[in-house]
Amino acid sequence: CSGLRAHPRPSPPATSPGTHVLLCSGLRAGDDAASSALNLELMCDYVTGNLGGANEQGVAASVARVVVCGGALSAPEVPAQSLDGRQQAAVARPLRELDVLLTTLAASVPVDLMPGEGDPTNQALPQQPLHPCLFPEAKRFSPNTFASCTNPHDFTLGGVDFLGTAGQNVSNLAAYTDVTKNGP
């Protein structure tokens, strides 16, 4: 019986000090009760370096990637009957707002959009990426600085491997077990 040889993994290249990955979730674009448009605009202005003093702009410049970890869209209330023009516009408004936000971010930093609970994709894990036709302006930056990704999502940045989910698996674990926050 011959054993398999383990090939040592090369050490990752040194990353520049101060490189950051911004993880955000629950943006709920289009739902003013859950997330105001002003808060989304402030986040966007901060990340793109249009807000704050020299120190804050330095931190913003160190953001190498933005990962939206689910919950990007508000849940539209769609009636069972066919929609008239006004109702269609109301349902499409969150998509347009998120498209504007993603386009603004993708113009200055790479953005990965991961679906989550309630987003318009399949609900069982692994979730498929949100279709690019939902974001006509942001998809112009694809594949360079905009990517609609699966959930779970993995990527490598500066030799460091990242793997994340939008949190449904953690929520399910908490719902069906007696795990407490402070231990047993």
Protein backbone atom coordinates (compact mmCIF):
# COMPACT_ATOMS: atom_id res chain seq x y z
CA CYS A 1 0.00 0.00 0.00
CA SER A 2 1.55 3.28 -1.03
CA GLY A 3 0.66 6.43 0.84
CA LEU A 4 -0.13 9.78 -0.65
CA ARG A 5 2.52 12.40 -0.36
CA ALA A 6 1.48 15.68 1.09
CA HIS A 7 2.68 18.58 -0.93
CA PRO A 8 3.54 21.51 1.26
CA ARG A 9 1.49 24.58 0.53
CA PRO A 10 3.63 27.54 -0.43
CA SER A 11 3.57 30.34 2.07
CA PRO A 12 1.31 33.19 1.04
CA PRO A 13 2.90 36.33 -0.29
CA ALA A 14 3.12 39.17 2.16
CA THR A 15 0.07 41.39 2.10
CA SER A 16 0.45 45.09 2.40
CA PRO A 17 -0.09 46.22 5.97
CA GLY A 18 -3.46 47.78 6.60
CA THR A 19 -5.35 46.01 3.82
CA HIS A 20 -8.99 45.56 4.80
CA VAL A 21 -12.01 43.62 3.58
CA LEU A 22 -15.35 45.29 4.32
CA LEU A 23 -18.10 42.81 5.17
CA CYS A 24 -21.62 44.20 5.28
CA SER A 25 -25.05 42.63 5.40
CA GLY A 26 -28.66 43.55 5.94
CA LEU A 27 -28.53 46.62 3.70
CA ARG A 28 -32.22 46.10 2.82
CA ALA A 29 -32.13 48.65 -0.01
CA GLY A 30 -35.58 50.04 -0.60
CA ASP A 31 -36.82 49.45 2.95
CA ASP A 32 -36.63 52.81 4.71
CA ALA A 33 -37.69 51.27 8.04
CA ALA A 34 -34.80 48.78 8.03
CA SER A 35 -32.09 50.85 6.39
CA SER A 36 -32.36 54.50 5.47
CA ALA A 37 -31.09 55.75 2.14
CA LEU A 38 -28.94 58.27 4.04
CA ASN A 39 -27.11 55.49 5.91
CA LEU A 40 -26.41 53.64 2.66
CA GLU A 41 -25.16 56.84 1.05
CA LEU A 42 -22.90 57.59 4.03
CA MET A 43 -21.42 54.08 3.85
CA CYS A 44 -20.83 54.48 0.13
CA ASP A 45 -19.25 57.92 0.58
CA TYR A 46 -16.97 56.59 3.33
CA VAL A 47 -15.77 53.59 1.30
CA THR A 48 -15.15 55.69 -1.81
CA GLY A 49 -13.15 58.25 0.21
CA ASN A 50 -15.64 61.11 -0.14
CA LEU A 51 -16.29 61.42 3.59
CA GLY A 52 -14.16 62.27 6.59
CA GLY A 53 -10.74 63.73 7.10
CA ALA A 54 -7.34 62.53 5.98
CA ASN A 55 -7.23 59.68 8.53
CA GLU A 56 -10.64 58.33 7.55
CA GLN A 57 -9.80 58.62 3.86
CA GLY A 58 -6.59 56.68 4.51
CA VAL A 59 -8.56 53.86 6.12
CA ALA A 60 -11.07 53.92 3.26
CA ALA A 61 -8.22 53.70 0.75
CA SER A 62 -7.04 50.49 2.46
CA VAL A 63 -10.33 48.69 1.72
CA ALA A 64 -9.35 46.15 -0.93
CA ARG A 65 -12.76 44.51 -1.34
CA VAL A 66 -16.37 44.93 -0.25
CA VAL A 67 -18.42 41.77 0.33
CA VAL A 68 -22.17 42.19 0.71
CA CYS A 69 -23.09 39.13 2.78
CA GLY A 70 -26.81 38.75 2.07
CA GLY A 71 -29.87 40.78 2.92
CA ALA A 72 -29.14 43.37 0.26
CA LEU A 73 -32.75 43.81 -0.84
CA SER A 74 -35.94 44.53 1.00
CA ALA A 75 -38.71 41.99 0.60
CA PRO A 76 -41.27 43.52 -1.76
CA GLU A 77 -44.92 42.96 -1.09
CA VAL A 78 -46.18 41.52 -4.36
CA PRO A 79 -49.94 41.01 -4.68
CA ALA A 80 -51.27 37.79 -6.18
CA GLN A 81 -52.97 39.55 -9.09
CA SER A 82 -51.12 41.18 -11.97
CA LEU A 83 -49.37 44.46 -11.25
CA ASP A 84 -50.21 47.82 -12.77
CA GLY A 85 -47.43 50.24 -13.74
CA ARG A 86 -47.30 51.97 -10.35
CA GLN A 87 -47.04 48.66 -8.48
CA GLN A 88 -44.34 47.42 -10.87
CA ALA A 89 -42.32 50.56 -10.18
CA ALA A 90 -42.68 50.04 -6.42
CA VAL A 91 -41.45 46.45 -6.68
CA ALA A 92 -38.49 47.48 -8.88
CA ARG A 93 -37.43 50.45 -6.69
CA PRO A 94 -35.26 48.40 -4.28
CA LEU A 95 -33.43 46.82 -7.22
CA ARG A 96 -32.68 50.22 -8.72
CA GLU A 97 -31.46 51.58 -5.38
CA LEU A 98 -29.17 48.59 -4.85
CA ASP A 99 -27.91 48.85 -8.44
CA VAL A 100 -26.94 52.50 -7.86
CA LEU A 101 -25.17 51.62 -4.60
CA LEU A 102 -23.26 48.70 -6.16
CA THR A 103 -22.32 50.78 -9.20
CA THR A 104 -20.93 53.57 -7.04
CA LEU A 105 -18.90 51.12 -4.95
CA ALA A 106 -17.69 49.07 -7.94
CA ALA A 107 -16.37 52.24 -9.57
CA SER A 108 -13.72 52.46 -6.83
CA VAL A 109 -13.32 49.04 -5.14
CA PRO A 110 -14.07 45.41 -6.05
CA VAL A 111 -17.53 44.33 -4.81
CA ASP A 112 -18.82 40.78 -4.27
CA LEU A 113 -22.59 40.40 -3.86
CA MET A 114 -23.61 37.25 -1.99
CA PRO A 115 -27.32 36.36 -1.73
CA GLY A 116 -28.94 35.72 1.62
CA GLU A 117 -32.25 34.94 3.22
CA GLY A 118 -35.10 36.66 1.39
CA ASP A 119 -33.04 37.66 -1.65
CA PRO A 120 -34.48 36.73 -5.08
CA THR A 121 -32.69 33.43 -5.64
CA ASN A 122 -33.16 29.85 -4.47
CA GLN A 123 -33.49 29.64 -0.68
CA ALA A 124 -31.68 26.32 -0.09
CA LEU A 125 -27.91 26.36 0.36
CA PRO A 126 -25.86 26.64 -1.74
CA GLN A 127 -27.62 29.70 -3.11
CA GLN A 128 -27.01 30.67 -6.70
CA PRO A 129 -25.78 34.18 -7.53
CA LEU A 130 -28.32 36.94 -8.04
CA HIS A 131 -28.79 37.26 -11.79
CA PRO A 132 -26.73 40.08 -13.34
CA CYS A 133 -29.75 41.36 -15.29
CA LEU A 134 -31.09 42.63 -11.93
CA PHE A 135 -28.20 45.12 -11.82
CA PRO A 136 -27.82 46.59 -15.32
CA GLU A 137 -25.46 49.39 -14.29
CA ALA A 138 -23.27 47.43 -11.87
CA LYS A 139 -22.82 44.54 -14.31
CA ARG A 140 -20.86 46.93 -16.56
CA PHE A 141 -18.05 46.51 -14.01
CA SER A 142 -18.22 42.71 -14.21
CA PRO A 143 -15.94 40.74 -13.94
CA ASN A 144 -13.31 43.32 -12.99
CA THR A 145 -14.80 44.98 -9.92
CA PHE A 146 -18.33 43.57 -9.59
CA ALA A 147 -19.22 39.94 -9.05
CA SER A 148 -22.51 38.33 -8.14
CA CYS A 149 -21.42 35.29 -6.12
CA THR A 150 -22.82 32.14 -4.59
CA ASN A 151 -23.61 31.66 -0.92
CA PRO A 152 -21.32 30.30 0.51
CA HIS A 153 -18.62 32.35 -1.19
CA ASP A 154 -14.86 31.99 -1.19
CA PHE A 155 -12.10 34.20 -2.53
CA THR A 156 -8.42 34.84 -2.06
CA LEU A 157 -6.96 38.27 -1.40
CA GLY A 158 -3.27 38.85 -0.91
CA GLY A 159 -2.61 35.15 -0.34
CA VAL A 160 -5.30 34.89 2.36
CA ASP A 161 -8.25 32.56 1.72
CA PHE A 162 -11.71 33.76 2.77
CA LEU A 163 -14.83 31.59 3.07
CA GLY A 164 -18.12 32.96 4.28
CA THR A 165 -21.87 32.52 4.29
CA ALA A 166 -24.75 34.92 4.68
CA GLY A 167 -25.59 33.31 8.01
CA GLN A 168 -28.56 31.03 7.37
CA ASN A 169 -26.60 28.00 8.57
CA VAL A 170 -25.74 29.75 11.84
CA SER A 171 -29.35 30.89 12.31
CA ASN A 172 -30.57 27.33 11.70
CA LEU A 173 -28.08 25.94 14.21
CA ALA A 174 -29.22 28.44 16.83
CA ALA A 175 -32.89 27.69 16.15
CA TYR A 176 -32.60 23.93 16.51
CA THR A 177 -30.03 23.53 19.30
CA ASP A 178 -29.56 24.66 22.87
CA VAL A 179 -26.34 26.54 22.10
CA THR A 180 -26.03 29.69 24.21
CA LYS A 181 -23.92 32.73 23.58
CA ASN A 182 -21.90 32.36 26.81
CA GLY A 183 -21.20 28.64 26.59
CA PRO A 184 -22.81 25.66 28.34
